[in-house]
Protein backbone atom coordinates (compact mmCIF):
# COMPACT_ATOMS: atom_id res chain seq x y z
CA MET A 1 15.66 -11.65 -13.07
CA LYS A 2 15.36 -8.39 -14.99
CA ILE A 3 12.49 -6.08 -14.10
CA VAL A 4 10.78 -6.50 -17.45
CA SER A 5 10.69 -10.28 -16.93
CA ALA A 6 8.58 -9.85 -13.81
CA PHE A 7 5.59 -8.83 -15.91
CA SER A 8 5.35 -12.26 -17.48
CA HIS A 9 5.40 -14.03 -14.10
CA LEU A 10 1.94 -12.99 -12.94
CA SER A 11 -0.05 -15.92 -11.57
CA PRO A 12 -2.57 -17.47 -14.02
CA SER A 13 -5.64 -16.51 -11.95
CA TRP A 14 -4.75 -12.82 -12.36
CA MET A 15 -3.21 -13.08 -15.81
CA LYS A 16 -6.52 -14.34 -17.17
CA TYR A 17 -7.99 -10.88 -16.52
CA LEU A 18 -4.91 -8.63 -16.58
CA ALA A 19 -2.99 -9.89 -19.63
CA SER A 20 -4.70 -7.36 -21.89
CA GLU A 21 -4.07 -4.59 -19.33
CA LEU A 22 -0.34 -5.34 -19.40
CA GLU A 23 -0.31 -4.64 -23.15
CA LEU A 24 -1.95 -1.22 -22.94
CA PRO A 25 0.21 1.83 -23.84
CA TYR A 26 0.43 3.11 -20.27
CA MET A 27 1.86 -0.22 -19.07
CA GLN A 28 4.33 -0.28 -21.96
CA GLU A 29 5.45 3.18 -20.85
CA LEU A 30 5.80 1.96 -17.28
CA LYS A 31 7.93 -1.00 -18.40
CA LYS A 32 10.11 1.36 -20.44
CA PHE A 33 10.56 3.66 -17.43
CA LEU A 34 11.54 0.75 -15.17
CA MET A 35 14.00 -0.61 -17.74
CA GLN A 36 15.62 2.82 -18.05
CA GLN A 37 15.91 3.05 -14.28
CA GLU A 38 17.48 -0.38 -14.15
CA GLN A 39 19.90 0.31 -17.01
CA SER A 40 21.04 3.56 -15.39
CA GLY A 41 22.10 1.60 -12.31
CA LYS A 42 19.39 2.78 -9.95
CA VAL A 43 18.41 0.35 -7.22
CA ILE A 44 14.72 -0.54 -7.37
CA TYR A 45 12.70 -2.13 -4.57
CA PRO A 46 11.37 -4.74 -4.27
CA THR A 47 13.52 -7.13 -6.28
CA PRO A 48 11.97 -8.12 -9.64
CA GLU A 49 10.78 -11.52 -8.44
CA ASN A 50 8.82 -9.80 -5.64
CA ILE A 51 7.18 -6.95 -7.60
CA PHE A 52 4.00 -9.00 -8.07
CA ASN A 53 4.30 -10.97 -4.82
CA ALA A 54 0.87 -9.81 -3.61
CA PHE A 55 -0.77 -11.23 -6.75
CA ASN A 56 1.30 -14.39 -6.85
CA SER A 57 0.80 -15.18 -3.16
CA THR A 58 -2.96 -14.60 -3.24
CA PRO A 59 -4.74 -15.93 -6.35
CA LEU A 60 -7.79 -13.91 -7.40
CA ASN A 61 -10.20 -16.76 -6.62
CA LYS A 62 -8.76 -17.06 -3.07
CA VAL A 63 -9.03 -13.39 -2.02
CA LYS A 64 -10.88 -12.96 1.29
CA VAL A 65 -9.43 -9.69 2.60
CA VAL A 66 -7.74 -6.73 0.89
CA ILE A 67 -5.40 -4.43 2.83
CA LEU A 68 -4.31 -1.45 0.76
CA GLY A 69 -1.02 0.37 1.14
CA GLN A 70 0.44 3.22 -0.88
CA ASP A 71 4.14 2.68 -1.61
CA PRO A 72 6.74 -0.06 -1.06
CA TYR A 73 9.31 0.58 1.66
CA HIS A 74 12.41 2.24 0.20
CA GLY A 75 15.06 0.97 2.63
CA PRO A 76 17.44 -1.97 1.97
CA GLY A 77 15.91 -5.41 2.54
CA GLN A 78 12.49 -4.12 3.58
CA ALA A 79 10.06 -4.40 0.66
CA HIS A 80 9.05 -7.81 -0.66
CA GLY A 81 5.89 -6.99 -2.55
CA LEU A 82 3.32 -7.09 0.26
CA SER A 83 1.81 -3.92 1.73
CA PHE A 84 2.97 -3.08 5.28
CA SER A 85 5.12 -6.25 5.37
CA VAL A 86 8.90 -6.44 5.73
CA GLN A 87 11.17 -9.43 5.33
CA GLU A 88 12.20 -11.41 8.38
CA GLY A 89 15.26 -10.00 10.11
CA VAL A 90 14.34 -6.41 9.21
CA VAL A 91 13.32 -3.95 11.92
CA ILE A 92 9.52 -3.76 12.16
CA PRO A 93 8.36 -0.32 10.90
CA PRO A 94 6.23 1.88 13.19
CA SER A 95 2.94 1.44 11.27
CA LEU A 96 3.29 -2.34 11.32
CA LYS A 97 4.07 -2.26 15.05
CA ASN A 98 0.79 -0.42 15.54
CA ILE A 99 -1.07 -2.99 13.42
CA PHE A 100 0.32 -5.73 15.67
CA LYS A 101 -0.71 -3.77 18.78
CA GLU A 102 -4.27 -3.50 17.48
CA ILE A 103 -4.36 -7.23 16.74
CA LYS A 104 -3.18 -7.94 20.28
CA ASN A 105 -5.87 -5.66 21.73
CA ASP A 106 -8.55 -6.98 19.36
CA LEU A 107 -7.81 -10.71 19.39
CA GLY A 108 -5.39 -11.23 22.26
CA LEU A 109 -2.65 -12.52 19.98
CA PRO A 110 1.01 -12.03 20.94
CA ILE A 111 3.04 -9.33 19.18
CA PRO A 112 5.39 -11.14 16.77
CA ASN A 113 9.16 -10.76 16.64
CA HIS A 114 9.28 -10.21 12.87
CA GLY A 115 7.26 -8.27 10.32
CA SER A 116 6.69 -10.70 7.46
CA LEU A 117 3.00 -10.93 6.61
CA GLN A 118 3.53 -13.70 4.06
CA SER A 119 1.36 -16.08 6.11
CA TRP A 120 -1.57 -13.67 5.75
CA ALA A 121 -1.08 -13.48 1.99
CA ASN A 122 -1.01 -17.27 1.78
CA GLN A 123 -4.42 -17.42 3.50
CA GLY A 124 -6.15 -15.01 1.13
CA VAL A 125 -5.20 -11.54 2.37
CA LEU A 126 -4.30 -9.45 -0.69
CA LEU A 127 -1.64 -7.07 0.62
CA LEU A 128 -1.66 -4.60 -2.25
CA ASN A 129 0.28 -1.37 -2.59
CA ALA A 130 -1.04 1.24 -5.02
CA THR A 131 2.49 1.62 -6.41
CA LEU A 132 4.48 -1.58 -6.81
CA THR A 133 8.05 -0.25 -7.11
CA VAL A 134 10.20 2.52 -5.68
CA GLU A 135 13.78 3.79 -6.05
CA LYS A 136 16.07 3.11 -3.10
CA GLY A 137 15.90 5.92 -0.57
CA LYS A 138 13.31 7.95 -2.52
CA ALA A 139 9.80 7.57 -1.14
CA GLY A 140 7.09 7.98 -3.75
CA SER A 141 9.58 8.09 -6.63
CA HIS A 142 7.52 5.76 -8.85
CA GLN A 143 4.13 7.32 -8.19
CA ARG A 144 2.10 8.51 -11.18
CA LYS A 145 4.07 6.32 -13.59
CA GLY A 146 1.16 3.95 -14.27
CA TRP A 147 1.12 1.60 -11.30
CA GLU A 148 -1.91 3.25 -9.70
CA ARG A 149 -4.04 2.68 -12.79
CA PHE A 150 -2.99 -0.97 -12.83
CA THR A 151 -3.69 -1.59 -9.15
CA ASP A 152 -7.02 0.25 -9.39
CA LYS A 153 -7.91 -2.25 -12.11
CA ALA A 154 -6.96 -5.07 -9.72
CA ILE A 155 -9.12 -3.66 -6.91
CA LYS A 156 -12.09 -3.35 -9.30
CA LEU A 157 -11.42 -6.90 -10.46
CA VAL A 158 -11.65 -8.24 -6.91
CA SER A 159 -14.88 -6.30 -6.41
CA ASP A 160 -16.39 -7.61 -9.64
CA GLU A 161 -15.20 -11.23 -9.63
CA CYS A 162 -15.19 -12.15 -5.94
CA ASP A 163 -17.94 -12.34 -3.34
CA ALA A 164 -17.99 -11.25 0.31
CA VAL A 165 -14.48 -9.77 0.49
CA VAL A 166 -13.39 -7.54 3.39
CA PHE A 167 -11.62 -4.35 2.26
CA MET A 168 -9.59 -2.61 4.97
CA LEU A 169 -9.04 1.01 3.96
CA TRP A 170 -6.69 2.81 6.35
CA GLY A 171 -6.11 6.51 5.87
CA SER A 172 -7.49 8.99 3.34
CA TYR A 173 -5.45 7.70 0.40
CA ALA A 174 -6.80 4.15 0.71
CA GLN A 175 -10.31 5.37 1.42
CA LYS A 176 -10.49 7.08 -1.98
CA LYS A 177 -10.49 3.58 -3.47
CA ILE A 178 -13.99 2.94 -2.12
CA GLU A 179 -15.37 4.17 -5.45
CA LEU A 180 -13.90 1.03 -7.06
CA ILE A 181 -15.72 -1.32 -4.68
CA ASP A 182 -19.28 -2.61 -4.83
CA THR A 183 -20.29 -2.02 -1.22
CA SER A 184 -23.50 -4.00 -1.68
CA LYS A 185 -21.58 -7.28 -1.95
CA HIS A 186 -18.45 -6.62 0.14
CA LEU A 187 -17.59 -5.30 3.60
CA VAL A 188 -15.58 -2.06 3.63
CA LEU A 189 -13.86 -1.18 6.91
CA CYS A 190 -12.39 2.32 7.20
CA ALA A 191 -10.05 3.71 9.86
CA PRO A 192 -7.24 6.24 10.18
CA HIS A 193 -3.82 5.10 9.00
CA PRO A 194 -1.81 3.10 11.58
CA SER A 195 1.17 5.47 11.34
CA PRO A 196 2.27 7.10 14.61
CA LEU A 197 0.87 10.42 13.33
CA SER A 198 -2.72 9.20 13.10
CA VAL A 199 -3.02 5.89 14.95
CA HIS A 200 -4.66 7.46 18.02
CA ARG A 201 -7.40 9.06 15.91
CA GLY A 202 -9.28 5.79 15.69
CA PHE A 203 -7.07 3.03 14.32
CA PHE A 204 -6.51 1.73 17.84
CA GLY A 205 -9.82 0.21 18.83
CA CYS A 206 -11.14 -0.20 15.28
CA LYS A 207 -11.28 -4.01 15.73
CA HIS A 208 -11.00 -4.59 11.99
CA PHE A 209 -9.46 -8.02 12.43
CA SER A 210 -12.24 -9.52 14.52
CA LYS A 211 -14.86 -7.77 12.35
CA ALA A 212 -13.27 -9.29 9.24
CA ASN A 213 -13.32 -12.79 10.70
CA ASP A 214 -16.91 -12.44 11.89
CA TYR A 215 -17.95 -11.37 8.40
CA LEU A 216 -16.05 -14.20 6.71
CA GLN A 217 -17.57 -16.80 9.03
CA ASN A 218 -21.05 -15.36 8.51
CA HIS A 219 -20.52 -15.82 4.77
CA GLY A 220 -19.39 -19.43 5.05
CA GLN A 221 -15.66 -18.81 4.78
CA THR A 222 -12.75 -19.87 6.97
CA PRO A 223 -11.53 -16.93 9.08
CA ILE A 224 -7.98 -15.60 8.79
CA ASP A 225 -5.45 -16.73 11.39
CA TRP A 226 -3.89 -13.33 12.13
CA ARG A 227 -1.18 -14.90 14.29
CA ILE A 228 2.34 -14.33 12.85
């Protein structure tokens, strides 16, 4: 699949609201940029079929939890379109290891032997990065090309169209997105980022996973099985 083809493979639940957004000039510019990158032989992560994996794995009407990341991983075989997640068989990154440690401490679940969070996405956890693509080996290389405006639109869409969603905002970058969320109808949980640099400032012990499930149950929804 070519990168430009990925834009027409957005799931119907999202396409209903985002089709017009995809036609706006800034998205046309983004498509043009990605096509130029592709044509010049640069390796882009994730693969085209996984660029919109977060949207296609978690339909808008099924969203229960949103976990926001910033950028896809830029190493070979890592990124597959879900924030913090890596494909099975890939070494688990430090931030994800810390997420698993917090889940063990919070819920008593065993630490998994792989880092794919696809099972969360399938249950209604929207694992959304602010930027959906990156050049191999160049962190942040596709920032400020248009993706952030698009994913901000998606966050606002969840806030507007869904009820009783849990937003987990880890770190200062994610926490800036609170302005897109109607806090009167959703639960917003904030904590430091789970990276080794900040995890001990309050991510460990935040108990976001049990708090999310308590909130979902209190609002008549099935809790998330955080077990991997």
